[in-house]
Structures are given as structure tokens and as C-alpha cells.
């Protein structure tokens, strides 16, 4: 970012380092920066929602309705329903907020059900895979031009076996006493642990990518414009913090022993 002003680079670097002070201990600087970031996020989301939803879908049609004396004036009722949310701050009119809460939960439940149905049904359909497959994924028993694929076959066998074992593990209607059922349930538990480990590793790598991006910014963008005396002050501050923390620790240990 060669065109970025230096004061903006310094601001971003100071905020990043201020957040990292939490690694040493919880402090007021970290809390202040955390509150600032939360406030900026809320303000940014409000602007985005207004420009993409409230403005074009509610405010503009309502204003045009009042100007043209058309049915667009009815959008004011939607605004009044939205104001009912603030009835939660009054004990006397709290019941009014339950109306809009019920409407919101009903509409939200319908939208979520539709989204989950459209998301999960293709996955459920894709679970029915042939155990002997061609290179294009079609069953070998069905006529086709694609040749037999050993890798696709093994992939489908592992996929279907994993699904069946995990389903048996969560099948609590019958006792897992029979050896086939008990073995399948045990295998399903191990396969679940493997998948959870993969998800956790993916989460860790995502966080590490964000961390490395900040380190890259500090080293490549901020460090070249930092004068030498600032580094000297940083080293002196770190040494002072280490020395003072070691002096306080024996005092605390002696107080605990006493």
C-alpha cells in the first residue's frame, strides 16, 4: 500500500498491537479497543442494512407512496411494527413487543426451514452412491461410455461406510450388544472424531491465516517506516515490564505463604 498515508498505517499497527496486549494480561487498552471495534462493526452493519434493505425496500417506496398518494403509504405500517420492538423497555407495553417478536420468529423459522431444506436435500441425495462406480460417478451396472474407476469405487465405499457407521452410532432405539452393531457404532465414533479433528484443524488454520496476515502487515508495511528510537522504546518497555513482573511475583508468593 504505497499510497496509504503514514498516520493510517500507524493507526492500524497501534490497534493491532493494542489488541495483542491481551496476550500479556487483560487491560484497559484492550477493552477500549475491543469496544471501539464492536462499535465500528455495529455502525458499519447499520449502514449496510440501510443501503441494501431498509432504504431501497422500505424508505424509498414509502416516500414515493406519500408523494404520489398511492398504496406505497402503507409501508408506514411496517415502520410502526418495527417500533414495537422498543416496547420491551416498558413494563406496561411489553406485550406489544411480543406481537412483532412472534411475527419475526415465524417468518425467520420459515426462511430457515426453506434454506436448510434446499441445502440438505442435495447432500442427502448425494449420499446414495454406487459401490461399484465408473470414472464419472455413475454405477457400473448402468450402461455408459466411462470406464471402471477403482479410486471412485473406493471413495464411494468409504463414504457410504462412514454414513452407515455414524447413523448406527446415533441409533439409540436398540442396544448395542450385537457385535456387528457394536463394531459399527465404535467405528462411527472414531470416524466422528476424525471429522471433528479435521473441522478443528480447519478452524485453527483459518485463525492462523488471519494472524499471519497481521504479521505480514506489521513487518512489510509498518516496520519500514518506524524510526530506530521507537524500537528502542519498545525494547525498554518490554524489559521494564518483565523486571517489574518478576519483582511482584516473589512479593505475591510471600504474601500467599504468610
Protein backbone atom coordinates (compact mmCIF):
# COMPACT_ATOMS: atom_id res chain seq x y z
CA UNK A 1 0.00 0.00 0.00
CA UNK A 2 2.42 2.71 -1.16
CA UNK A 3 -0.27 5.41 -1.37
CA UNK A 4 -1.56 4.93 2.17
CA UNK A 5 -0.79 7.86 4.48
CA UNK A 6 1.66 7.07 7.26
CA UNK A 7 -0.73 8.06 10.02
CA UNK A 8 -3.24 5.44 8.84
CA UNK A 9 -0.52 2.78 8.80
CA UNK A 10 0.49 3.78 12.32
CA UNK A 11 -3.13 3.72 13.47
CA UNK A 12 -3.70 0.21 12.12
CA UNK A 13 -0.43 -1.01 13.63
CA UNK A 14 -1.18 0.51 17.06
CA UNK A 15 -4.66 -1.02 17.11
CA UNK A 16 -3.21 -4.42 16.20
CA UNK A 17 -0.53 -4.23 18.88
CA UNK A 18 -3.06 -2.93 21.39
CA UNK A 19 -5.27 -5.97 20.79
CA UNK A 20 -2.23 -8.21 21.21
CA UNK A 21 -1.64 -6.78 24.71
CA UNK A 22 -4.34 -9.19 25.88
CA UNK A 23 -1.75 -11.96 25.47
CA UNK A 24 0.14 -10.38 28.39
CA UNK A 25 -2.89 -9.65 30.57
CA UNK A 26 -6.37 -8.17 30.48
CA UNK A 27 -6.01 -4.39 30.49
CA UNK A 28 -7.93 -1.17 29.86
CA UNK A 29 -6.31 -0.54 26.48
CA UNK A 30 -7.51 -3.89 25.18
CA UNK A 31 -11.03 -3.29 26.50
CA UNK A 32 -11.17 0.17 24.95
CA UNK A 33 -10.04 -1.09 21.55
CA UNK A 34 -12.45 -4.01 21.78
CA UNK A 35 -15.36 -1.66 22.46
CA UNK A 36 -14.26 0.61 19.62
CA UNK A 37 -14.15 -2.33 17.20
CA UNK A 38 -17.59 -3.54 18.33
CA UNK A 39 -19.00 -0.02 17.91
CA UNK A 40 -17.49 0.32 14.45
CA UNK A 41 -18.90 -3.07 13.47
CA UNK A 42 -22.39 -2.15 14.65
CA UNK A 43 -22.27 1.20 12.84
CA UNK A 44 -20.96 -0.39 9.64
CA UNK A 45 -23.65 -3.09 9.71
CA UNK A 46 -26.35 -0.45 10.21
CA UNK A 47 -25.16 1.47 7.15
CA UNK A 48 -25.02 -1.73 5.09
CA UNK A 49 -28.52 -2.77 6.19
CA UNK A 50 -29.91 0.68 5.46
CA UNK A 51 -28.34 0.91 2.00
CA UNK A 52 -29.23 -2.64 0.97
CA UNK A 53 -32.53 -3.36 2.79
CA UNK A 54 -34.24 -0.56 4.72
CA UNK A 55 -33.54 2.23 2.25
CA UNK A 56 -34.46 0.69 -1.12
CA UNK A 57 -37.10 -1.76 0.16
CA UNK A 58 -38.88 0.32 2.81
CA UNK A 59 -37.99 4.03 2.99
CA UNK A 60 -37.92 4.84 -0.74
CA UNK A 61 -41.25 3.08 -1.56
CA UNK A 62 -42.89 4.75 1.44
CA UNK A 63 -41.67 8.25 0.42
CA UNK A 64 -42.81 7.69 -3.18
CA UNK A 65 -46.17 6.50 -1.89
CA UNK A 66 -46.70 9.72 0.07
CA UNK A 67 -45.58 11.80 -2.90
CA UNK A 68 -47.87 10.02 -5.38
CA UNK A 69 -50.74 9.36 -2.95
CA UNK A 70 -50.51 5.65 -3.75
CA UNK A 71 -50.56 2.39 -1.82
CA UNK A 72 -46.89 2.87 -1.02
CA UNK A 73 -48.02 4.85 2.01
CA UNK A 74 -48.94 1.52 3.61
CA UNK A 75 -45.23 0.91 4.20
CA UNK A 76 -45.54 3.20 7.22
CA UNK A 77 -47.33 0.33 8.97
CA UNK A 78 -44.17 -1.75 8.64
CA UNK A 79 -42.24 1.04 10.35
CA UNK A 80 -44.80 1.10 13.18
CA UNK A 81 -44.42 -2.65 13.61
CA UNK A 82 -40.67 -2.18 13.83
CA UNK A 83 -41.12 0.43 16.53
CA UNK A 84 -42.95 -2.17 18.63
CA UNK A 85 -39.56 -3.77 19.33
CA UNK A 86 -38.79 -0.84 21.62
CA UNK A 87 -41.83 -1.65 23.75
CA UNK A 88 -39.55 -4.09 25.58
CA UNK A 89 -38.18 -1.12 27.53
CA UNK A 90 -41.61 -0.54 29.09
CA UNK A 91 -43.20 -2.99 31.52
CA UNK A 92 -46.62 -1.61 30.76
CA UNK A 93 -46.40 -2.08 26.98
CA UNK A 94 -44.14 -5.13 26.94
CA UNK A 95 -46.94 -7.23 25.46
CA UNK A 96 -46.83 -5.16 22.28
CA UNK A 97 -43.29 -6.29 21.54
CA UNK A 98 -44.42 -9.92 21.64
CA UNK A 99 -46.55 -9.34 18.55
CA UNK A 100 -43.63 -8.34 16.36
CA UNK A 101 -41.39 -10.93 18.02
CA UNK A 102 -43.87 -13.67 17.11
CA UNK A 103 -44.12 -12.41 13.53
CA UNK A 104 -40.33 -12.23 13.23
CA UNK A 105 -39.82 -15.73 14.67
CA UNK A 106 -42.48 -17.17 12.36
CA UNK A 107 -41.02 -15.58 9.25
CA UNK A 108 -37.48 -16.46 10.34
CA UNK A 109 -38.41 -20.10 11.02
CA UNK A 110 -39.97 -20.40 7.58
CA UNK A 111 -36.94 -18.90 5.86
CA UNK A 112 -34.51 -21.06 7.83
CA UNK A 113 -36.51 -24.22 7.12
CA UNK A 114 -36.54 -23.43 3.41
CA UNK A 115 -32.82 -22.67 3.39
CA UNK A 116 -31.95 -25.82 5.33
CA UNK A 117 -34.20 -27.96 3.14
CA UNK A 118 -32.61 -26.65 -0.05
CA UNK A 119 -29.15 -27.06 1.50
CA UNK A 120 -29.53 -30.54 2.99
CA UNK A 121 -31.63 -32.29 0.36
CA UNK A 122 -28.87 -32.26 -2.29
CA UNK A 123 -26.48 -33.67 0.33
CA UNK A 124 -28.93 -36.42 1.28
CA UNK A 125 -29.50 -37.28 -2.37
CA UNK A 126 -25.74 -37.36 -2.99
CA UNK A 127 -25.35 -39.88 -0.15
CA UNK A 128 -26.84 -42.63 -2.34
CA UNK A 129 -23.72 -43.54 -4.27
CA UNK A 130 -22.93 -46.71 -6.20
CA UNK A 131 -20.42 -49.02 -4.53
CA UNK A 132 -19.03 -50.03 -7.93
CA UNK A 133 -18.69 -46.86 -9.98
CA UNK A 134 -17.35 -45.58 -13.23
CA UNK A 135 -14.95 -42.65 -13.57
CA UNK A 136 -17.82 -40.20 -13.96
CA UNK A 137 -19.52 -41.48 -10.77
CA UNK A 138 -22.29 -43.44 -12.49
CA UNK A 139 -22.98 -47.09 -11.48
CA UNK A 140 -21.11 -49.77 -13.37
CA UNK A 141 -24.36 -51.74 -13.77
CA UNK A 142 -25.82 -48.91 -15.83
CA UNK A 143 -24.70 -48.70 -19.44
CA UNK A 144 -22.23 -45.92 -20.09
CA UNK A 145 -19.12 -44.97 -22.00
CA UNK A 146 -16.97 -44.11 -18.95
CA UNK A 147 -14.60 -46.90 -17.81
CA UNK A 148 -14.49 -48.51 -14.37
CA UNK A 149 -12.69 -46.41 -11.76
CA UNK A 150 -11.07 -48.06 -8.74
CA UNK A 151 -10.46 -44.75 -6.97
CA UNK A 152 -14.09 -43.66 -7.38
CA UNK A 153 -15.27 -47.05 -6.14
CA UNK A 154 -13.07 -46.90 -3.02
CA UNK A 155 -14.16 -43.32 -2.39
CA UNK A 156 -17.84 -44.30 -2.54
CA UNK A 157 -17.31 -47.32 -0.30
CA UNK A 158 -15.58 -45.20 2.36
CA UNK A 159 -18.25 -42.51 2.04
CA UNK A 160 -21.21 -44.90 2.41
CA UNK A 161 -19.49 -46.87 5.21
CA UNK A 162 -18.88 -43.67 7.15
CA UNK A 163 -22.51 -42.60 6.83
CA UNK A 164 -23.85 -46.01 7.91
CA UNK A 165 -21.48 -46.31 10.89
CA UNK A 166 -22.27 -42.83 12.16
CA UNK A 167 -26.01 -43.49 11.80
CA UNK A 168 -25.63 -46.73 13.77
CA UNK A 169 -23.72 -44.84 16.50
CA UNK A 170 -26.69 -42.47 16.93
CA UNK A 171 -29.24 -45.29 16.76
CA UNK A 172 -30.36 -45.50 20.39
CA UNK A 173 -33.60 -47.40 19.76
CA UNK A 174 -31.79 -50.73 20.13
CA UNK A 175 -28.99 -51.75 22.48
CA UNK A 176 -25.50 -52.00 21.03
CA UNK A 177 -24.94 -55.55 22.25
CA UNK A 178 -24.65 -57.43 18.99
CA UNK A 179 -21.09 -57.49 17.68
CA UNK A 180 -21.92 -56.08 14.21
CA UNK A 181 -23.89 -53.18 15.68
CA UNK A 182 -21.36 -52.56 18.45
CA UNK A 183 -18.47 -52.64 15.97
CA UNK A 184 -20.24 -50.30 13.57
CA UNK A 185 -21.06 -47.90 16.44
CA UNK A 186 -17.45 -47.91 17.59
CA UNK A 187 -16.24 -47.26 14.06
CA UNK A 188 -18.79 -44.45 13.75
CA UNK A 189 -17.46 -42.83 16.93
CA UNK A 190 -13.89 -42.94 15.62
CA UNK A 191 -14.95 -41.54 12.26
CA UNK A 192 -16.77 -38.72 14.05
CA UNK A 193 -13.61 -37.92 15.99
CA UNK A 194 -11.62 -37.81 12.76
CA UNK A 195 -14.13 -35.44 11.14
CA UNK A 196 -14.24 -33.23 14.24
CA UNK A 197 -10.47 -33.10 14.25
CA UNK A 198 -10.49 -32.05 10.59
CA UNK A 199 -13.02 -29.31 11.35
CA UNK A 200 -10.96 -28.10 14.30
CA UNK A 201 -7.78 -28.10 12.22
CA UNK A 202 -9.54 -26.11 9.51
CA UNK A 203 -10.65 -23.57 12.13
CA UNK A 204 -7.12 -23.28 13.51
CA UNK A 205 -5.66 -22.77 10.04
CA UNK A 206 -8.25 -20.06 9.35
CA UNK A 207 -7.28 -18.22 12.54
CA UNK A 208 -3.60 -18.66 11.71
CA UNK A 209 -4.20 -17.16 8.26
CA UNK A 210 -5.69 -14.05 9.88
CA UNK A 211 -2.80 -13.90 12.37
CA UNK A 212 -0.18 -14.25 9.64
CA UNK A 213 -1.89 -11.52 7.59
CA UNK A 214 -1.50 -9.13 10.53
CA UNK A 215 2.14 -10.13 10.99
CA UNK A 216 2.77 -9.57 7.30
CA UNK A 217 1.22 -6.11 7.57
CA UNK A 218 3.35 -5.21 10.58
CA UNK A 219 6.59 -6.47 9.04
CA UNK A 220 6.20 -5.39 5.42
CA UNK A 221 4.10 -2.22 5.72
CA UNK A 222 4.61 -0.74 9.17
CA UNK A 223 8.16 -1.77 10.15
CA UNK A 224 9.94 0.03 7.25
CA UNK A 225 8.56 3.44 8.33
CA UNK A 226 9.30 3.02 12.05
CA UNK A 227 12.26 5.09 13.32
CA UNK A 228 15.03 3.48 15.35
CA UNK A 229 14.17 5.30 18.57
CA UNK A 230 10.69 3.75 18.61
CA UNK A 231 12.22 0.27 18.59
CA UNK A 232 14.48 1.34 21.45
CA UNK A 233 11.47 2.49 23.45
CA UNK A 234 9.67 -0.80 22.75
CA UNK A 235 12.64 -2.86 23.93
CA UNK A 236 12.96 -0.71 27.06
CA UNK A 237 9.25 -1.05 27.78
CA UNK A 238 9.34 -4.83 27.39
CA UNK A 239 12.36 -5.12 29.68
CA UNK A 240 10.69 -2.88 32.26
CA UNK A 241 7.52 -4.98 32.17
CA UNK A 242 9.48 -8.23 32.59
CA UNK A 243 11.54 -6.87 35.50
CA UNK A 244 8.54 -5.42 37.34
CA UNK A 245 6.54 -8.62 36.89
CA UNK A 246 9.38 -10.68 38.38
CA UNK A 247 9.63 -8.33 41.34
CA UNK A 248 5.92 -8.55 42.03
CA UNK A 249 5.81 -12.34 41.83
CA UNK A 250 8.04 -13.01 44.89
CA UNK A 251 6.01 -10.48 46.87
CA UNK A 252 2.81 -12.26 45.92
CA UNK A 253 4.32 -15.66 46.74
CA UNK A 254 5.48 -14.45 50.15
CA UNK A 255 2.05 -12.97 50.84
CA UNK A 256 0.42 -16.26 49.93
CA UNK A 257 2.76 -18.26 52.16
CA UNK A 258 2.08 -15.90 55.05
